[in-house]
Amino acid sequence: MGKVYLVGAGLGDVSYLTVKAQKLLAQAEVLIYDALVDRQLLQLVPPDCLKFDVGKRGGRPSTPQAEINQLLVEQCQQGKQVVRLKSGDPFIFGRTSAEIQALIEAGCAFEVVPGISSALAAPLLASIPLTDAVLSRCFAVLSAHEPRELDWEALARIDTLVILMGGRHLSEITRQLQRYGRSHSTPIAIIRWAGCPQQQIWTGTLGNILKQTEGISLSPVVIAIGEVVKLREFLQSQSPMSQPPLSGKTVLVTRSAGQSSQFRKLLEREGASVIEMPALEITPPSSWEALDNAIAHLSDFNWLILTSSNGVDYFFERLLAQGKDTRALAGVKIAVVGKKTAASLKSRNLQPDFIPPDFIADSLVEHFPESLSGLKILFPRVETGGREALVQELTAQGAEMVEVAAYQSGCPATIAPAALDALLAGAVDVITFASSKTVRHFHQLLEKALQQGDTLSHPVSITSVLEKVSIASIGPQTSETCRQLLRRVDVEAAEYTLEGLIQAIRKYFD
């Protein structure tokens, strides 16, 4: 029998997901998720899990609630384990009751799993306590989605207010509270993207907050109003002084969806907040024919050159698919470019015969350990868009190069919403690029998003969006592409590895 789990995703970031929710995601056959759910959570489901984006965002096309209800019923009746992932807690200003009613009427089994609500967590993460023995003996949580339906006279008498979905109606909120007796000097805090790397906080009073946030898209935000907001400055001043070197910095990582986790961990260890923006989609090539043919005649080759972990993964995947193993490489020497490529090879219990000292393809040609004249070299590589310099140089020195497509790297269809929101909000300190292709795809995705302008009140250029953002490159070729498309490079790694890139970023901010 199928079953539907209505699961709270918390604040969106995977760090605030409950253990039970994580276990359910790992077993999900179908995932039906909201707009504010962090895209990292989508990677926690099995690879064959069906995913349905049914998110609702104000002013944008959205899936009608009746269709969501029907989708839940249909998938459950097919015997699937369905996770309905809802931002925050399922029972706080969600439409969970309507979904449960549809499931009951259809005879579908269901379970509700709580999540951390931004109503409670956002003020906490902003160092604002909702209760205090002197300043706040009670608080109320409300939705300002329909502000005219609220009893503002009663609400104005409550010590502390926490308001969700109020960004579009901030002027009405401040006007109504002052109309019913709250002073214009009443403290207010607006917390945007609470608990996420791009979190922003504005503090002020009912009298001046509109001027502070003029022209800013306040969505999604949590608004806290009351004297307890004054405690924020004191509580923050009591924080420990010793912090990691990148503490307070937000780094936008532009790698493929499946390859950014280790880099993310390294950055977070340094104290950085990380936003992932996949700028590559790694897929199989359009045809395996050339690679399969090369594998069938491996004994004809003197050298195998691997320049990326993707090349390693797809080559050995295909080797196994042809009923062979690493013994087929007896007599073939292996050269790799980069520490990560070497690590991928070593994970298969193979040691490279040659690693160039500078971790770039140009260095491989310069320091090749034997004369290239007459050598037959197999080069499994990206199908399109790769650099031709390595092949040209090796061929010029007398090698017979056999290039075969091992994988393809394309551009995602759209920019990650969290990344776009953070860039537009000016919440990104540095963007990292580990290849020229990620630079090109980033530029393409951002340009497309800005041209569409769904979230913009006025036209914006890439130059203005990146004006206060530092550009960090892993090496010279990537830097050159940054200069061509983004007009500058602020940080370049001395050692052309991810670890070297992090060291360069640390040094830059020091």
Protein backbone atom coordinates (compact mmCIF):
# COMPACT_ATOMS: atom_id res chain seq x y z
CA MET A 1 0.00 0.00 0.00
CA GLY A 2 1.12 3.54 -0.67
CA LYS A 3 1.49 6.15 2.02
CA VAL A 4 1.88 9.93 2.03
CA TYR A 5 4.21 11.62 4.53
CA LEU A 6 3.50 15.33 4.97
CA VAL A 7 6.94 16.45 6.09
CA GLY A 8 8.16 19.80 7.41
CA ALA A 9 11.41 20.85 5.69
CA GLY A 10 12.19 23.44 8.36
CA LEU A 11 13.94 26.62 7.30
CA GLY A 12 14.99 25.12 3.98
CA ASP A 13 18.68 24.53 4.67
CA VAL A 14 19.51 20.84 5.14
CA SER A 15 21.09 21.67 8.52
CA TYR A 16 17.64 22.26 10.01
CA LEU A 17 15.99 19.08 8.71
CA THR A 18 14.83 16.59 11.35
CA VAL A 19 16.40 13.12 11.48
CA LYS A 20 13.04 11.48 10.74
CA ALA A 21 12.50 13.72 7.70
CA GLN A 22 15.95 12.81 6.39
CA LYS A 23 15.20 9.08 6.73
CA LEU A 24 11.90 9.46 4.89
CA LEU A 25 13.57 11.37 2.05
CA ALA A 26 16.15 8.57 1.71
CA GLN A 27 13.29 6.08 1.16
CA ALA A 28 10.99 8.25 -0.97
CA GLU A 29 9.67 6.95 -4.28
CA VAL A 30 7.89 10.25 -5.02
CA LEU A 31 8.81 13.75 -3.82
CA ILE A 32 6.31 16.60 -4.08
CA TYR A 33 7.91 19.80 -2.82
CA ASP A 34 7.33 23.51 -2.20
CA ALA A 35 9.10 26.54 -3.68
CA LEU A 36 11.05 27.50 -0.54
CA VAL A 37 12.56 24.05 -0.06
CA ASP A 38 16.36 24.14 -0.37
CA ARG A 39 17.49 22.31 -3.53
CA GLN A 40 20.08 20.43 -1.43
CA LEU A 41 17.21 18.44 0.04
CA LEU A 42 16.33 17.14 -3.42
CA GLN A 43 19.66 15.33 -3.46
CA LEU A 44 18.70 13.28 -0.38
CA VAL A 45 16.16 11.18 -2.29
CA PRO A 46 17.09 8.04 -4.28
CA PRO A 47 18.19 8.64 -7.91
CA ASP A 48 15.03 7.05 -9.33
CA CYS A 49 12.65 9.08 -7.15
CA LEU A 50 9.99 11.01 -9.11
CA LYS A 51 10.10 14.74 -8.29
CA PHE A 52 7.24 17.25 -8.64
CA ASP A 53 7.75 20.98 -8.03
CA VAL A 54 4.41 22.41 -6.89
CA GLY A 55 5.72 25.52 -5.19
CA LYS A 56 3.67 28.68 -4.76
CA ARG A 57 5.35 32.11 -4.78
CA GLY A 58 3.48 35.40 -4.74
CA GLY A 59 3.00 36.97 -8.17
CA ARG A 60 4.27 33.92 -10.07
CA PRO A 61 2.47 31.04 -11.82
CA SER A 62 1.77 28.25 -9.34
CA THR A 63 0.13 24.85 -9.14
CA PRO A 64 -3.53 25.03 -7.99
CA GLN A 65 -4.14 23.37 -4.63
CA ALA A 66 -6.73 21.02 -6.17
CA GLU A 67 -4.07 19.67 -8.56
CA ILE A 68 -1.64 19.10 -5.67
CA ASN A 69 -4.34 17.20 -3.77
CA GLN A 70 -5.07 15.03 -6.80
CA LEU A 71 -1.35 14.37 -7.40
CA LEU A 72 -0.90 13.14 -3.83
CA VAL A 73 -3.89 10.80 -4.15
CA GLU A 74 -2.83 9.45 -7.55
CA GLN A 75 0.74 8.66 -6.47
CA CYS A 76 -0.41 7.06 -3.22
CA GLN A 77 -2.97 4.90 -5.03
CA GLN A 78 -0.18 3.60 -7.26
CA GLY A 79 1.37 2.10 -4.12
CA LYS A 80 4.17 4.69 -3.83
CA GLN A 81 5.88 6.01 -0.72
CA VAL A 82 5.24 9.75 -1.18
CA VAL A 83 7.00 12.58 0.66
CA ARG A 84 5.10 15.87 0.53
CA LEU A 85 7.86 18.28 1.55
CA LYS A 86 6.53 21.57 2.89
CA SER A 87 8.62 24.51 4.05
CA GLY A 88 8.65 25.17 7.80
CA ASP A 89 6.14 23.13 9.74
CA PRO A 90 3.25 21.48 7.82
CA PHE A 91 0.55 22.86 10.13
CA ILE A 92 1.66 26.51 10.29
CA PHE A 93 0.06 28.55 7.50
CA GLY A 94 0.27 25.69 5.04
CA ARG A 95 -2.61 24.02 3.25
CA THR A 96 -1.98 20.69 4.91
CA SER A 97 -5.56 20.34 6.15
CA ALA A 98 -6.88 20.47 2.58
CA GLU A 99 -4.37 17.83 1.48
CA ILE A 100 -5.23 15.57 4.42
CA GLN A 101 -8.95 15.92 3.65
CA ALA A 102 -8.31 14.77 0.06
CA LEU A 103 -6.27 11.80 1.30
CA ILE A 104 -8.95 10.78 3.80
CA GLU A 105 -11.68 10.94 1.16
CA ALA A 106 -9.58 8.74 -1.15
CA GLY A 107 -8.77 6.25 1.62
CA CYS A 108 -5.02 6.99 1.48
CA ALA A 109 -2.74 6.37 4.45
CA PHE A 110 -0.82 9.42 5.66
CA GLU A 111 1.44 10.70 8.45
CA VAL A 112 2.42 14.24 9.42
CA VAL A 113 6.06 14.90 10.39
CA PRO A 114 6.80 18.21 12.15
CA GLY A 115 9.40 20.72 10.98
CA ILE A 116 11.07 23.78 12.47
CA SER A 117 8.94 26.85 11.75
CA SER A 118 10.61 30.07 10.68
CA ALA A 119 8.19 31.86 13.01
CA LEU A 120 10.22 30.54 15.95
CA ALA A 121 13.65 29.97 14.40
CA ALA A 122 14.12 33.20 12.41
CA PRO A 123 14.03 35.52 15.46
CA LEU A 124 16.28 33.09 17.35
CA LEU A 125 18.86 33.07 14.54
CA ALA A 126 18.72 36.88 14.54
CA SER A 127 19.46 36.91 18.30
CA ILE A 128 15.92 38.08 19.14
CA PRO A 129 14.19 36.21 22.01
CA LEU A 130 10.41 36.10 21.59
CA THR A 131 9.81 36.10 25.33
CA ASP A 132 11.50 37.94 28.16
CA ALA A 133 10.64 38.23 31.87
CA VAL A 134 10.35 42.01 31.54
CA LEU A 135 9.93 42.92 27.87
CA SER A 136 7.70 40.16 26.49
CA ARG A 137 5.38 37.90 28.47
CA CYS A 138 3.57 36.69 25.36
CA PHE A 139 3.85 36.66 21.58
CA ALA A 140 1.55 36.03 18.65
CA VAL A 141 2.29 34.51 15.26
CA LEU A 142 0.23 35.71 12.32
CA SER A 143 0.12 35.67 8.56
CA ALA A 144 -0.19 39.05 6.85
CA HIS A 145 -1.13 37.52 3.51
CA GLU A 146 -4.56 39.18 3.90
CA PRO A 147 -3.86 42.12 6.26
CA ARG A 148 -7.37 43.58 6.07
CA GLU A 149 -8.78 40.40 7.64
CA LEU A 150 -6.77 40.82 10.87
CA ASP A 151 -7.89 42.38 14.16
CA TRP A 152 -5.14 44.99 14.40
CA GLU A 153 -6.66 46.60 17.50
CA ALA A 154 -6.17 43.34 19.43
CA LEU A 155 -2.79 42.59 17.88
CA ALA A 156 -1.42 46.01 18.80
CA ARG A 157 -1.84 45.15 22.51
CA ILE A 158 0.34 42.00 22.35
CA ASP A 159 3.93 42.38 23.56
CA THR A 160 5.65 40.72 20.60
CA LEU A 161 4.39 39.96 17.10
CA VAL A 162 5.90 37.52 14.62
CA ILE A 163 4.54 38.06 11.13
CA LEU A 164 4.92 35.69 8.19
CA MET A 165 4.15 36.52 4.55
CA GLY A 166 4.20 40.22 5.36
CA GLY A 167 6.91 41.58 3.07
CA ARG A 168 4.48 42.90 0.46
CA HIS A 169 2.32 44.55 3.11
CA LEU A 170 4.96 46.16 5.34
CA SER A 171 3.51 49.66 4.91
CA GLU A 172 0.03 48.43 5.88
CA ILE A 173 1.42 46.59 8.93
CA THR A 174 3.28 49.62 10.25
CA ARG A 175 0.32 51.90 9.56
CA GLN A 176 -2.23 49.71 11.31
CA LEU A 177 -0.11 49.12 14.43
CA GLN A 178 0.54 52.85 14.86
CA ARG A 179 -3.14 53.58 14.20
CA TYR A 180 -4.07 51.38 17.18
CA GLY A 181 -1.58 52.75 19.66
CA ARG A 182 1.89 51.31 19.01
CA SER A 183 4.57 54.02 19.11
CA HIS A 184 6.44 54.97 15.94
CA SER A 185 9.61 54.13 17.91
CA THR A 186 8.55 50.49 18.48
CA PRO A 187 11.52 48.25 17.42
CA ILE A 188 11.09 46.03 14.37
CA ALA A 189 13.34 43.46 12.68
CA ILE A 190 12.95 41.97 9.23
CA ILE A 191 14.71 38.65 8.66
CA ARG A 192 15.05 37.53 5.06
CA TRP A 193 15.96 33.93 4.11
CA ALA A 194 16.32 32.94 7.76
CA GLY A 195 18.79 30.16 8.42
CA CYS A 196 20.17 30.22 4.87
CA PRO A 197 23.59 31.48 3.76
CA GLN A 198 21.97 34.52 2.13
CA GLN A 199 20.19 35.55 5.35
CA GLN A 200 19.79 39.32 5.75
CA ILE A 201 18.45 41.33 8.67
CA TRP A 202 17.16 44.89 8.82
CA THR A 203 16.36 46.52 12.16
CA GLY A 204 14.63 49.84 12.83
CA THR A 205 11.36 51.18 14.12
CA LEU A 206 7.79 51.29 12.88
CA GLY A 207 8.52 54.86 11.88
CA ASN A 208 11.66 54.33 9.77
CA ILE A 209 11.73 50.71 8.55
CA LEU A 210 9.95 51.53 5.28
CA LYS A 211 12.69 53.96 4.30
CA GLN A 212 15.40 51.40 5.18
CA THR A 213 13.88 48.71 2.96
CA GLU A 214 12.72 50.91 0.10
CA GLY A 215 13.18 49.21 -3.28
CA ILE A 216 14.09 45.82 -1.75
CA SER A 217 12.08 42.69 -2.54
CA LEU A 218 11.12 41.44 0.93
CA SER A 219 10.28 37.82 0.21
CA PRO A 220 10.49 35.51 2.00
CA VAL A 221 10.75 37.36 5.33
CA VAL A 222 9.83 36.98 8.97
CA ILE A 223 8.96 40.23 10.75
CA ALA A 224 9.47 40.57 14.51
CA ILE A 225 7.94 43.57 16.29
CA GLY A 226 8.35 44.48 19.95
CA GLU A 227 10.78 45.68 22.60
CA VAL A 228 12.66 42.35 22.55
CA VAL A 229 14.19 43.39 19.22
CA LYS A 230 16.39 45.76 21.26
CA LEU A 231 18.05 42.72 22.89
CA ARG A 232 19.60 41.69 19.57
CA GLU A 233 22.53 44.11 19.82
CA PHE A 234 23.36 43.06 23.39
CA LEU A 235 23.13 39.32 22.71
CA GLN A 236 25.30 39.59 19.60
CA SER A 237 27.94 41.53 21.50
CA GLN A 238 28.32 38.57 23.89
CA SER A 239 29.31 36.14 21.10
CA PRO A 240 32.78 34.52 21.33
CA MET A 241 35.53 36.52 19.64
CA SER A 242 37.42 33.57 18.12
CA GLN A 243 35.91 32.65 14.77
CA PRO A 244 37.05 30.66 11.70
CA PRO A 245 38.83 32.71 8.99
CA LEU A 246 35.85 32.85 6.57
CA SER A 247 33.22 33.38 9.26
CA GLY A 248 30.56 35.81 8.07
CA LYS A 249 31.44 35.30 4.39
CA THR A 250 28.97 33.83 1.91
CA VAL A 251 30.45 31.83 -0.96
CA LEU A 252 28.55 30.94 -4.12
CA VAL A 253 29.86 27.64 -5.54
CA THR A 254 29.35 26.99 -9.27
CA ARG A 255 30.00 23.30 -9.70
CA SER A 256 27.90 20.42 -10.98
CA ALA A 257 25.15 19.30 -8.61
CA GLY A 258 26.89 16.06 -7.67
CA GLN A 259 30.40 17.47 -7.24
CA SER A 260 30.05 20.38 -4.85
CA SER A 261 29.56 18.54 -1.54
CA GLN A 262 33.24 18.06 -0.69
CA PHE A 263 34.11 21.64 -1.66
CA ARG A 264 31.16 22.83 0.42
CA LYS A 265 32.44 20.93 3.46
CA LEU A 266 35.91 22.43 3.09
CA LEU A 267 34.47 25.95 2.91
CA GLU A 268 32.13 25.40 5.85
CA ARG A 269 35.06 24.12 7.89
CA GLU A 270 36.62 27.55 7.31
CA GLY A 271 33.45 29.21 8.64
CA ALA A 272 31.88 30.24 5.32
CA SER A 273 28.19 30.02 4.47
CA VAL A 274 27.80 28.23 1.14
CA ILE A 275 25.20 28.60 -1.58
CA GLU A 276 25.31 26.03 -4.35
CA MET A 277 24.54 27.07 -7.91
CA PRO A 278 24.98 24.09 -10.25
CA ALA A 279 26.51 25.48 -13.45
CA LEU A 280 27.22 22.08 -15.01
CA GLU A 281 25.10 19.02 -15.71
CA ILE A 282 27.24 15.92 -16.25
CA THR A 283 25.59 13.31 -18.49
CA PRO A 284 26.66 10.38 -20.70
CA PRO A 285 27.87 11.23 -24.23
CA SER A 286 25.53 11.07 -27.23
CA SER A 287 27.12 7.73 -28.17
CA TRP A 288 29.33 5.16 -26.42
CA GLU A 289 30.60 3.74 -29.74
CA ALA A 290 34.00 5.45 -29.86
CA LEU A 291 34.84 4.76 -26.21
CA ASP A 292 33.68 1.15 -26.42
CA ASN A 293 35.81 0.60 -29.52
CA ALA A 294 38.85 2.10 -27.80
CA ILE A 295 38.32 -0.12 -24.74
CA ALA A 296 38.10 -3.17 -27.01
CA HIS A 297 41.60 -2.33 -28.30
CA LEU A 298 43.30 -1.04 -25.13
CA SER A 299 46.43 -3.07 -25.80
CA ASP A 300 47.09 -0.87 -28.86
CA PHE A 301 47.72 2.19 -26.68
CA ASN A 302 50.89 3.29 -24.88
CA TRP A 303 49.25 5.87 -22.62
CA LEU A 304 45.83 6.72 -21.18
CA ILE A 305 45.37 10.42 -20.28
CA LEU A 306 42.67 11.42 -17.79
CA THR A 307 42.14 15.11 -17.05
CA SER A 308 39.08 15.06 -14.77
CA SER A 309 37.34 12.87 -12.22
CA ASN A 310 34.38 12.74 -14.62
CA GLY A 311 36.66 11.19 -17.25
CA VAL A 312 37.84 8.63 -14.70
CA ASP A 313 34.31 7.74 -13.57
CA TYR A 314 32.84 7.32 -17.04
CA PHE A 315 35.87 5.47 -18.46
CA PHE A 316 35.85 2.83 -15.73
CA GLU A 317 32.07 2.58 -15.76
CA ARG A 318 32.29 1.73 -19.44
CA LEU A 319 35.23 -0.63 -18.89
CA LEU A 320 33.09 -2.68 -16.50
CA ALA A 321 30.12 -2.52 -18.87
CA GLN A 322 32.31 -4.22 -21.49
CA GLY A 323 33.02 -7.08 -19.09
CA LYS A 324 36.58 -5.95 -18.35
CA ASP A 325 38.40 -4.75 -15.26
CA THR A 326 41.63 -2.89 -14.46
CA ARG A 327 43.71 -5.84 -15.67
CA ALA A 328 42.82 -4.73 -19.21
CA LEU A 329 45.14 -1.76 -18.62
CA ALA A 330 48.24 -3.94 -18.20
CA GLY A 331 50.95 -2.43 -20.34
CA VAL A 332 49.15 0.93 -20.64
CA LYS A 333 50.63 3.83 -18.66
CA ILE A 334 48.27 6.37 -17.10
CA ALA A 335 48.78 10.13 -16.85
CA VAL A 336 46.38 12.31 -14.86
CA VAL A 337 45.95 16.05 -14.41
CA GLY A 338 45.04 17.28 -10.94
CA LYS A 339 44.93 15.89 -7.41
CA LYS A 340 41.23 15.09 -7.57
CA THR A 341 41.66 13.12 -10.79
CA ALA A 342 44.52 11.22 -9.17
CA ALA A 343 42.36 10.53 -6.09
CA SER A 344 39.57 9.16 -8.29
CA LEU A 345 42.06 6.83 -9.95
CA LYS A 346 43.53 5.72 -6.61
CA SER A 347 40.02 4.92 -5.32
CA ARG A 348 40.08 2.16 -7.97
CA ASN A 349 43.39 0.87 -6.59
CA LEU A 350 45.40 2.27 -9.51
CA GLN A 351 48.44 4.52 -9.23
CA PRO A 352 49.05 7.07 -12.01
CA ASP A 353 52.40 6.74 -13.79
CA PHE A 354 52.66 10.50 -14.26
CA ILE A 355 51.13 13.59 -12.60
CA PRO A 356 52.38 16.95 -13.92
CA PRO A 357 53.65 19.29 -11.19
CA ASP A 358 51.31 22.23 -11.81
CA PHE A 359 47.96 20.36 -12.08
CA ILE A 360 47.10 21.85 -15.48
CA ALA A 361 47.06 20.31 -18.95
CA ASP A 362 49.81 22.61 -20.27
CA SER A 363 52.17 21.29 -17.61
CA LEU A 364 51.46 17.71 -18.74
CA VAL A 365 52.89 18.46 -22.18
CA GLU A 366 55.87 20.36 -20.81
CA HIS A 367 56.91 17.66 -18.32
CA PHE A 368 55.85 14.46 -20.10
CA PRO A 369 58.26 11.72 -18.89
CA GLU A 370 59.23 10.32 -22.30
CA SER A 371 59.48 11.31 -25.94
CA LEU A 372 56.01 11.66 -27.45
CA SER A 373 57.09 10.74 -30.95
CA GLY A 374 55.33 7.57 -32.10
CA LEU A 375 53.26 7.11 -28.92
CA LYS A 376 49.60 6.17 -29.28
CA ILE A 377 47.56 7.94 -26.60
CA LEU A 378 43.92 7.39 -25.59
CA PHE A 379 42.19 10.54 -24.34
CA PRO A 380 38.63 10.02 -22.94
CA ARG A 381 37.21 13.51 -22.59
CA VAL A 382 34.15 15.76 -22.55
CA GLU A 383 32.19 15.48 -25.80
CA THR A 384 32.01 19.19 -26.60
CA GLY A 385 33.40 22.43 -25.23
CA GLY A 386 36.76 21.20 -23.96
CA ARG A 387 40.10 22.88 -24.62
CA GLU A 388 41.93 21.75 -27.73
CA ALA A 389 45.40 22.94 -26.68
CA LEU A 390 46.43 19.63 -25.05
CA VAL A 391 45.58 17.54 -28.13
CA GLN A 392 47.24 20.03 -30.46
CA GLU A 393 50.48 20.16 -28.43
CA LEU A 394 50.77 16.38 -28.04
CA THR A 395 50.06 15.85 -31.74
CA ALA A 396 52.63 18.49 -32.68
CA GLN A 397 55.27 16.54 -30.75
CA GLY A 398 54.56 13.35 -32.70
CA ALA A 399 51.93 11.53 -30.59
CA GLU A 400 48.97 9.79 -32.21
CA MET A 401 45.99 11.10 -30.22
CA VAL A 402 42.73 9.14 -30.10
CA GLU A 403 40.02 11.37 -28.62
CA VAL A 404 36.81 9.66 -27.50
CA ALA A 405 33.72 11.16 -25.88
CA ALA A 406 33.39 9.83 -22.31
CA TYR A 407 30.81 12.27 -20.95
CA GLN A 408 29.01 15.49 -21.73
CA SER A 409 28.77 18.62 -19.60
CA GLY A 410 25.86 20.91 -20.36
CA CYS A 411 24.29 24.01 -18.91
CA PRO A 412 21.31 23.61 -16.52
CA ALA A 413 17.99 24.93 -17.81
CA THR A 414 17.60 27.59 -15.10
CA ILE A 415 19.58 29.29 -12.37
CA ALA A 416 19.12 27.96 -8.82
CA PRO A 417 16.47 30.21 -7.18
CA ALA A 418 18.41 30.56 -3.91
CA ALA A 419 21.52 31.64 -5.82
CA LEU A 420 19.63 34.25 -7.84
CA ASP A 421 17.91 35.62 -4.75
CA ALA A 422 21.23 35.91 -2.91
CA LEU A 423 22.92 37.67 -5.84
CA LEU A 424 20.07 40.16 -6.25
CA ALA A 425 20.03 40.83 -2.51
CA GLY A 426 23.77 41.56 -2.44
CA ALA A 427 24.28 38.71 0.02
CA VAL A 428 27.18 36.99 -1.81
CA ASP A 429 30.78 37.86 -0.91
CA VAL A 430 32.62 35.65 -3.39
CA ILE A 431 31.83 33.37 -6.36
CA THR A 432 34.14 30.42 -7.07
CA PHE A 433 34.84 29.03 -10.53
CA ALA A 434 36.70 25.74 -11.04
CA SER A 435 36.62 25.71 -14.87
CA SER A 436 36.06 27.98 -17.84
CA LYS A 437 32.84 26.16 -18.63
CA THR A 438 31.35 27.03 -15.23
CA VAL A 439 32.12 30.70 -15.94
CA ARG A 440 30.37 30.57 -19.31
CA HIS A 441 27.34 28.76 -17.93
CA PHE A 442 27.10 31.07 -14.92
CA HIS A 443 27.12 34.09 -17.22
CA GLN A 444 24.51 32.46 -19.47
CA LEU A 445 22.18 31.52 -16.60
CA LEU A 446 22.42 34.89 -14.85
CA GLU A 447 21.95 36.83 -18.09
CA LYS A 448 18.85 34.76 -18.91
CA ALA A 449 17.39 35.31 -15.44
CA LEU A 450 17.99 39.06 -15.56
CA GLN A 451 16.44 39.34 -19.01
CA GLN A 452 13.32 37.51 -17.84
CA GLY A 453 13.22 39.75 -14.78
CA ASP A 454 10.42 37.91 -12.95
CA THR A 455 11.66 39.08 -9.54
CA LEU A 456 12.95 42.52 -10.54
CA SER A 457 11.26 45.89 -10.17
CA HIS A 458 13.62 47.46 -12.75
CA PRO A 459 16.22 46.23 -15.29
CA VAL A 460 19.55 45.11 -13.80
CA SER A 461 22.87 44.30 -15.53
CA ILE A 462 25.29 41.51 -14.68
CA THR A 463 27.96 44.14 -13.95
CA SER A 464 25.80 45.86 -11.34
CA VAL A 465 24.80 42.54 -9.72
CA LEU A 466 28.46 41.52 -9.37
CA GLU A 467 29.75 44.99 -8.48
CA LYS A 468 30.49 44.11 -4.83
CA VAL A 469 31.10 40.39 -5.34
CA SER A 470 34.65 38.99 -5.47
CA ILE A 471 35.44 36.61 -8.35
CA ALA A 472 37.65 33.63 -7.43
CA SER A 473 39.27 31.37 -10.06
CA ILE A 474 41.05 28.04 -9.74
CA GLY A 475 43.69 28.79 -12.39
CA PRO A 476 44.92 30.81 -15.39
CA GLN A 477 42.57 29.44 -18.07
CA THR A 478 39.53 29.93 -15.87
CA SER A 479 40.75 33.42 -14.98
CA GLU A 480 41.02 34.34 -18.65
CA THR A 481 37.39 33.34 -19.22
CA CYS A 482 36.36 35.38 -16.15
CA ARG A 483 38.07 38.44 -17.61
CA GLN A 484 36.34 37.93 -20.96
CA LEU A 485 32.82 37.50 -19.59
CA LEU A 486 32.82 39.02 -16.09
CA ARG A 487 35.46 41.72 -16.78
CA ARG A 488 37.74 40.85 -13.87
CA VAL A 489 39.28 38.31 -11.48
CA ASP A 490 39.91 39.15 -7.82
CA VAL A 491 41.34 35.85 -6.55
CA GLU A 492 43.39 33.18 -8.35
CA ALA A 493 44.65 30.02 -6.69
CA ALA A 494 48.43 29.62 -6.54
CA GLU A 495 47.94 25.83 -6.49
CA TYR A 496 45.31 24.86 -9.04
CA THR A 497 43.18 22.72 -6.70
CA LEU A 498 40.05 23.29 -4.64
CA GLU A 499 42.18 23.41 -1.50
CA GLY A 500 44.43 25.96 -3.21
CA LEU A 501 41.39 28.02 -4.14
CA ILE A 502 40.22 28.10 -0.53
CA GLN A 503 43.71 29.17 0.62
CA ALA A 504 43.65 31.99 -1.93
CA ILE A 505 40.23 33.15 -0.71
CA ARG A 506 41.44 33.13 2.90
CA LYS A 507 44.49 35.17 1.98
CA TYR A 508 42.35 37.62 -0.02
CA PHE A 509 40.00 38.34 2.86
CA ASP A 510 42.85 38.49 5.38
